[in-house]
């Protein structure tokens, strides 16, 4: 059976709109304020405790890399995975803005290696119990990994991208892959193609070929399931905009906060393990002098805890917090 996206009327209409120089309604809804200083709250708490403190519709992008329930550590073992996950999935939908997106990492579990759920379980749950829309199933394909003898060696993980509504924000131009000069020259001769589109580059598709982090990778900060900065960067660039709020309530290695700083977004990151703060300090330390110089106009503040001065509260009535959460800034 052919791919229905090839004959989708909505896709054809969107392509026609772009050719006329128009923009999607989501780009009009997005409040692209930018920010001279971005603010980054770092919280040590259970994810549900943090989510209960956030206003409705206050977050543009949620980067969610939950435990895969493969019993990798004490935090990765849930007797009823779906019962636990359904709670934070419902809260995630509540806090997303109408233009917002959830990028949900996960894997498919094989040979009864794990407990009571995986990404397929979560996708099926959302299809039955959520109004969010599955925009893409992204296949993160990596060349490196463990070998296998009784099955084909695994070389991919999935990222399920859900839009809060049909007005989800998507900036394709921010993540296009440039053509090499020979390809550009050939495409410029094709009168069916717009020269400006050729210059912008290609859609990276929903198959992302990016290496995993090896044990000796320079990006490593110590977290066992750390995701590459390159993967998080593409999500942040495509699904959020400068000055918007990015949330990660399974912060782990701290890479989401780092990318938010580098890309001029605000962030709220949370992890139940206090060691996540140390991982973030390492991430900030790895931000190179050249990168800091390139983003010198984007000053940032990293705070220990969350209070009502954070931009996540700017679009809604302030929430009543259990504690102020303000402490000394984290320094690399």
Protein backbone atom coordinates (compact mmCIF):
# COMPACT_ATOMS: atom_id res chain seq x y z
CA UNK A 1 0.00 0.00 0.00
CA UNK A 2 1.32 3.43 -0.88
CA UNK A 3 2.17 6.07 1.71
CA UNK A 4 -1.01 8.12 2.22
CA UNK A 5 1.07 11.24 2.90
CA UNK A 6 1.88 11.30 -0.83
CA UNK A 7 -1.75 12.06 -1.67
CA UNK A 8 -2.74 13.95 1.47
CA UNK A 9 -4.84 16.99 0.55
CA UNK A 10 -3.56 18.94 3.55
CA UNK A 11 0.05 18.41 2.52
CA UNK A 12 -0.70 19.54 -1.02
CA UNK A 13 -2.46 22.65 0.28
CA UNK A 14 0.50 23.47 2.55
CA UNK A 15 2.95 23.14 -0.32
CA UNK A 16 0.80 25.47 -2.41
CA UNK A 17 0.61 27.97 0.44
CA UNK A 18 4.40 28.03 0.75
CA UNK A 19 4.80 28.60 -2.98
CA UNK A 20 2.55 31.66 -2.64
CA UNK A 21 4.72 32.95 0.18
CA UNK A 22 2.10 32.30 2.85
CA UNK A 23 2.54 30.98 6.39
CA UNK A 24 0.67 28.37 8.40
CA UNK A 25 -1.73 29.53 11.11
CA UNK A 26 0.58 28.06 13.78
CA UNK A 27 3.27 30.59 12.90
CA UNK A 28 0.78 33.40 13.49
CA UNK A 29 -0.23 31.97 16.87
CA UNK A 30 3.32 31.48 18.10
CA UNK A 31 4.41 34.41 20.26
CA UNK A 32 7.88 35.00 18.87
CA UNK A 33 9.08 37.49 21.42
CA UNK A 34 12.72 36.47 21.53
CA UNK A 35 14.65 37.07 24.72
CA UNK A 36 17.71 39.13 25.65
CA UNK A 37 18.23 36.85 28.64
CA UNK A 38 16.93 33.31 28.82
CA UNK A 39 15.95 31.75 32.13
CA UNK A 40 16.54 28.14 33.10
CA UNK A 41 15.01 26.54 36.19
CA UNK A 42 16.60 23.34 37.50
CA UNK A 43 14.40 21.33 39.86
CA UNK A 44 15.01 18.12 41.80
CA UNK A 45 11.59 16.53 42.24
CA UNK A 46 9.24 13.86 41.01
CA UNK A 47 7.99 14.80 37.54
CA UNK A 48 4.36 14.87 38.64
CA UNK A 49 5.16 17.28 41.46
CA UNK A 50 6.77 19.67 39.01
CA UNK A 51 4.04 19.34 36.39
CA UNK A 52 1.34 20.15 38.94
CA UNK A 53 3.02 23.54 39.47
CA UNK A 54 2.98 24.60 35.82
CA UNK A 55 0.12 26.61 34.30
CA UNK A 56 -2.08 25.35 31.49
CA UNK A 57 -0.75 26.13 28.01
CA UNK A 58 2.56 27.52 29.25
CA UNK A 59 5.10 25.31 27.42
CA UNK A 60 5.99 25.25 23.72
CA UNK A 61 8.03 22.03 23.60
CA UNK A 62 8.40 19.04 25.89
CA UNK A 63 11.47 16.90 25.31
CA UNK A 64 10.57 13.67 27.08
CA UNK A 65 13.11 10.87 27.42
CA UNK A 66 11.46 8.71 30.10
CA UNK A 67 12.78 5.51 31.60
CA UNK A 68 12.37 2.75 29.00
CA UNK A 69 11.41 0.26 31.71
CA UNK A 70 14.32 -2.05 30.84
CA UNK A 71 15.53 -2.20 34.44
CA UNK A 72 18.73 -0.36 33.76
CA UNK A 73 18.67 1.24 37.22
CA UNK A 74 16.32 1.63 40.18
CA UNK A 75 14.53 4.49 38.39
CA UNK A 76 13.98 2.29 35.35
CA UNK A 77 11.72 -0.37 36.85
CA UNK A 78 7.94 0.18 37.02
CA UNK A 79 5.56 -2.66 37.86
CA UNK A 80 2.75 -0.96 35.96
CA UNK A 81 4.50 1.26 33.44
CA UNK A 82 1.36 2.50 31.70
CA UNK A 83 -0.44 3.44 34.92
CA UNK A 84 2.56 5.54 35.90
CA UNK A 85 3.18 7.05 32.46
CA UNK A 86 -0.47 7.91 31.81
CA UNK A 87 -0.34 10.44 34.65
CA UNK A 88 2.53 12.48 33.27
CA UNK A 89 1.26 12.16 29.70
CA UNK A 90 -2.04 13.78 30.75
CA UNK A 91 -0.17 16.57 32.53
CA UNK A 92 2.10 17.06 29.53
CA UNK A 93 -0.91 17.67 27.31
CA UNK A 94 -2.35 20.15 29.82
CA UNK A 95 0.77 22.33 30.06
CA UNK A 96 1.46 22.46 26.31
CA UNK A 97 0.48 25.60 24.40
CA UNK A 98 -1.91 25.18 21.46
CA UNK A 99 1.14 25.45 19.16
CA UNK A 100 3.15 23.08 21.35
CA UNK A 101 4.65 19.66 20.79
CA UNK A 102 5.68 16.58 22.76
CA UNK A 103 8.78 14.74 21.55
CA UNK A 104 8.60 11.34 23.24
CA UNK A 105 11.66 9.12 23.10
CA UNK A 106 11.31 5.39 23.40
CA UNK A 107 12.31 1.96 22.24
CA UNK A 108 10.61 -1.26 21.29
CA UNK A 109 11.34 -3.98 23.80
CA UNK A 110 12.30 -7.42 22.63
CA UNK A 111 12.27 -10.95 24.06
CA UNK A 112 10.56 -10.05 27.32
CA UNK A 113 13.61 -8.04 28.33
CA UNK A 114 11.62 -5.50 30.28
CA UNK A 115 8.52 -4.78 32.29
CA UNK A 116 5.02 -3.70 31.49
CA UNK A 117 5.36 -1.18 28.68
CA UNK A 118 7.35 0.52 25.93
CA UNK A 119 6.87 3.26 23.34
CA UNK A 120 4.24 1.24 21.48
CA UNK A 121 2.25 1.05 24.70
CA UNK A 122 2.43 4.82 25.16
CA UNK A 123 1.49 5.60 21.55
CA UNK A 124 -1.50 3.30 21.76
CA UNK A 125 -2.57 4.92 25.02
CA UNK A 126 -2.36 8.41 23.53
CA UNK A 127 -4.38 7.37 20.50
CA UNK A 128 -7.17 6.18 22.76
CA UNK A 129 -7.06 8.73 25.56
CA UNK A 130 -5.59 11.95 24.14
CA UNK A 131 -6.57 14.52 21.53
CA UNK A 132 -2.93 15.17 20.66
CA UNK A 133 -1.98 14.40 17.07
CA UNK A 134 0.83 12.08 16.03
CA UNK A 135 2.70 14.32 13.57
CA UNK A 136 5.67 12.03 12.92
CA UNK A 137 7.33 8.88 14.14
CA UNK A 138 10.99 9.79 13.87
CA UNK A 139 13.46 6.95 13.45
CA UNK A 140 16.82 7.82 14.99
CA UNK A 141 19.22 5.56 13.09
CA UNK A 142 22.73 5.19 14.51
CA UNK A 143 25.65 3.21 13.05
CA UNK A 144 27.11 2.09 16.35
CA UNK A 145 25.66 -0.39 18.83
CA UNK A 146 25.87 -3.86 20.30
CA UNK A 147 26.11 -6.94 18.11
CA UNK A 148 23.56 -9.78 18.25
CA UNK A 149 23.41 -13.47 17.38
CA UNK A 150 19.73 -14.38 17.72
CA UNK A 151 18.19 -11.35 15.97
CA UNK A 152 19.19 -8.43 13.72
CA UNK A 153 21.36 -6.03 15.69
CA UNK A 154 19.39 -2.96 16.73
CA UNK A 155 20.45 0.33 15.20
CA UNK A 156 17.55 2.65 15.91
CA UNK A 157 15.35 4.27 18.52
CA UNK A 158 12.13 6.13 17.94
CA UNK A 159 10.88 9.62 18.78
CA UNK A 160 7.11 10.00 18.65
CA UNK A 161 6.29 13.62 17.88
CA UNK A 162 2.81 14.67 19.01
CA UNK A 163 1.32 18.10 18.32
CA UNK A 164 -1.03 19.52 20.96
CA UNK A 165 -3.39 20.64 18.18
CA UNK A 166 -3.35 20.89 14.40
CA UNK A 167 -1.79 24.34 14.93
CA UNK A 168 1.51 22.86 16.15
CA UNK A 169 4.55 24.99 15.35
CA UNK A 170 7.13 23.57 12.92
CA UNK A 171 10.13 25.46 11.53
CA UNK A 172 11.45 23.30 8.69
CA UNK A 173 13.87 25.97 7.48
CA UNK A 174 15.71 25.85 10.82
CA UNK A 175 16.69 22.22 10.31
CA UNK A 176 17.10 21.81 6.57
CA UNK A 177 20.20 19.93 5.37
CA UNK A 178 22.22 21.84 2.77
CA UNK A 179 22.83 20.35 -0.66
CA UNK A 180 26.38 20.00 -1.87
CA UNK A 181 27.43 22.30 -4.71
CA UNK A 182 27.12 19.62 -7.41
CA UNK A 183 23.54 18.83 -6.36
CA UNK A 184 22.67 22.52 -6.22
CA UNK A 185 23.98 23.03 -9.73
CA UNK A 186 21.88 20.14 -11.03
CA UNK A 187 18.73 21.28 -9.22
CA UNK A 188 19.09 24.87 -10.45
CA UNK A 189 18.63 23.55 -13.97
CA UNK A 190 15.29 21.99 -13.04
CA UNK A 191 12.68 24.65 -13.80
CA UNK A 192 10.15 22.89 -11.57
CA UNK A 193 12.20 23.75 -8.49
CA UNK A 194 12.27 27.18 -6.87
CA UNK A 195 15.86 28.54 -6.60
CA UNK A 196 15.28 29.72 -3.04
CA UNK A 197 14.18 26.22 -2.00
CA UNK A 198 17.34 24.75 -3.49
CA UNK A 199 19.44 27.23 -1.52
CA UNK A 200 17.62 26.38 1.71
CA UNK A 201 18.39 22.67 1.42
CA UNK A 202 16.46 19.45 1.86
CA UNK A 203 13.93 18.29 4.40
CA UNK A 204 15.91 15.97 6.72
CA UNK A 205 12.98 13.49 6.64
CA UNK A 206 11.86 11.44 9.62
CA UNK A 207 14.90 9.14 9.48
CA UNK A 208 17.75 10.83 11.33
CA UNK A 209 21.18 9.32 10.87
CA UNK A 210 23.09 10.48 13.92
CA UNK A 211 25.61 8.52 15.95
CA UNK A 212 24.96 7.43 19.53
CA UNK A 213 27.37 8.55 22.20
CA UNK A 214 30.13 6.00 22.71
CA UNK A 215 31.43 5.37 26.20
CA UNK A 216 34.44 7.59 25.51
CA UNK A 217 32.52 10.37 23.75
CA UNK A 218 33.58 13.88 24.72
CA UNK A 219 29.91 14.74 25.27
CA UNK A 220 29.53 12.14 28.00
CA UNK A 221 28.72 13.52 31.46
CA UNK A 222 28.04 10.25 33.28
CA UNK A 223 24.35 9.54 32.70
CA UNK A 224 23.80 6.01 31.32
CA UNK A 225 21.12 6.96 28.74
CA UNK A 226 22.42 10.35 27.62
CA UNK A 227 21.15 11.51 24.24
CA UNK A 228 23.39 13.34 21.74
CA UNK A 229 23.21 17.10 21.68
CA UNK A 230 22.66 16.96 17.90
CA UNK A 231 19.37 15.07 18.29
CA UNK A 232 18.00 17.44 20.94
CA UNK A 233 19.14 20.46 18.95
CA UNK A 234 17.12 19.43 15.89
CA UNK A 235 13.99 19.00 18.01
CA UNK A 236 14.43 22.35 19.73
CA UNK A 237 15.11 24.22 16.50
CA UNK A 238 12.19 22.69 14.62
CA UNK A 239 9.49 22.59 17.30
CA UNK A 240 10.14 25.72 19.36
CA UNK A 241 11.15 29.31 18.69
CA UNK A 242 13.42 31.87 20.40
CA UNK A 243 11.92 33.07 23.65
CA UNK A 244 9.59 30.08 24.07
CA UNK A 245 9.70 27.60 26.95
CA UNK A 246 11.16 24.11 26.64
CA UNK A 247 10.35 21.55 29.34
CA UNK A 248 12.19 18.33 30.19
CA UNK A 249 10.89 16.53 33.28
CA UNK A 250 13.26 13.57 32.89
CA UNK A 251 16.27 15.84 32.59
CA UNK A 252 18.94 13.20 33.20
CA UNK A 253 22.16 14.38 31.55
CA UNK A 254 21.08 18.04 31.35
CA UNK A 255 21.50 18.23 27.58
CA UNK A 256 18.05 19.80 27.01
CA UNK A 257 18.88 22.78 29.23
CA UNK A 258 22.21 23.20 27.46
CA UNK A 259 20.60 23.22 24.02
CA UNK A 260 17.90 25.63 25.20
CA UNK A 261 20.62 28.03 26.34
CA UNK A 262 22.48 27.74 23.05
CA UNK A 263 19.31 28.23 20.99
CA UNK A 264 17.85 31.17 22.92
CA UNK A 265 14.93 29.33 24.55
CA UNK A 266 13.87 29.35 28.20
CA UNK A 267 13.79 25.99 29.95
CA UNK A 268 12.44 24.14 32.95
CA UNK A 269 14.22 20.88 33.66
CA UNK A 270 13.49 18.39 36.39
CA UNK A 271 14.86 15.06 37.57
CA UNK A 272 14.21 12.97 40.64
CA UNK A 273 17.95 12.32 41.02
CA UNK A 274 20.01 15.15 42.52
CA UNK A 275 23.07 14.06 40.52
CA UNK A 276 21.38 15.56 37.45
CA UNK A 277 22.54 18.97 38.68
CA UNK A 278 26.14 17.81 38.45
CA UNK A 279 25.54 16.58 34.92
CA UNK A 280 24.19 20.00 33.96
CA UNK A 281 27.25 21.72 35.38
CA UNK A 282 29.37 19.53 33.11
CA UNK A 283 27.17 20.41 30.15
CA UNK A 284 27.63 24.13 30.81
CA UNK A 285 31.36 23.59 31.14
CA UNK A 286 31.45 22.00 27.70
CA UNK A 287 29.84 24.97 26.00
CA UNK A 288 32.85 26.11 24.01
CA UNK A 289 34.28 29.62 24.00
CA UNK A 290 33.45 29.89 20.29
CA UNK A 291 29.83 28.94 20.86
CA UNK A 292 29.47 31.37 23.74
CA UNK A 293 30.94 34.12 21.57
CA UNK A 294 28.50 33.25 18.77
CA UNK A 295 25.56 33.63 21.17
CA UNK A 296 27.04 36.48 23.19
CA UNK A 297 23.86 38.54 22.77
CA UNK A 298 21.88 35.77 24.46
CA UNK A 299 22.73 36.04 28.11
CA UNK A 300 21.30 33.31 30.33
CA UNK A 301 20.54 32.64 33.96
CA UNK A 302 20.41 29.15 35.47
CA UNK A 303 18.56 28.95 38.76
CA UNK A 304 18.25 26.23 41.35
CA UNK A 305 14.47 25.82 41.63
CA UNK A 306 11.42 27.51 40.12
CA UNK A 307 9.48 30.59 41.11
CA UNK A 308 6.86 32.83 39.53
CA UNK A 309 9.42 35.11 37.85
CA UNK A 310 10.20 32.36 35.33
CA UNK A 311 8.73 32.97 31.84
CA UNK A 312 6.73 29.74 32.08
CA UNK A 313 4.26 31.75 34.20
CA UNK A 314 3.97 34.73 31.88
CA UNK A 315 0.89 33.54 29.95
CA UNK A 316 -1.18 32.34 32.87
CA UNK A 317 -2.17 33.28 36.37
CA UNK A 318 0.69 32.55 38.79
CA UNK A 319 0.53 29.14 40.41
CA UNK A 320 0.75 28.72 44.16
CA UNK A 321 4.06 27.00 44.85
CA UNK A 322 4.95 24.89 47.86
CA UNK A 323 8.26 26.67 48.13
CA UNK A 324 10.04 29.47 46.35
CA UNK A 325 12.72 27.15 45.03
CA UNK A 326 15.13 30.01 44.49
CA UNK A 327 18.75 29.45 45.34
CA UNK A 328 22.17 30.30 44.06
CA UNK A 329 22.76 30.18 40.33
CA UNK A 330 24.57 27.14 39.00
CA UNK A 331 27.94 27.97 37.53
CA UNK A 332 29.97 25.76 35.23
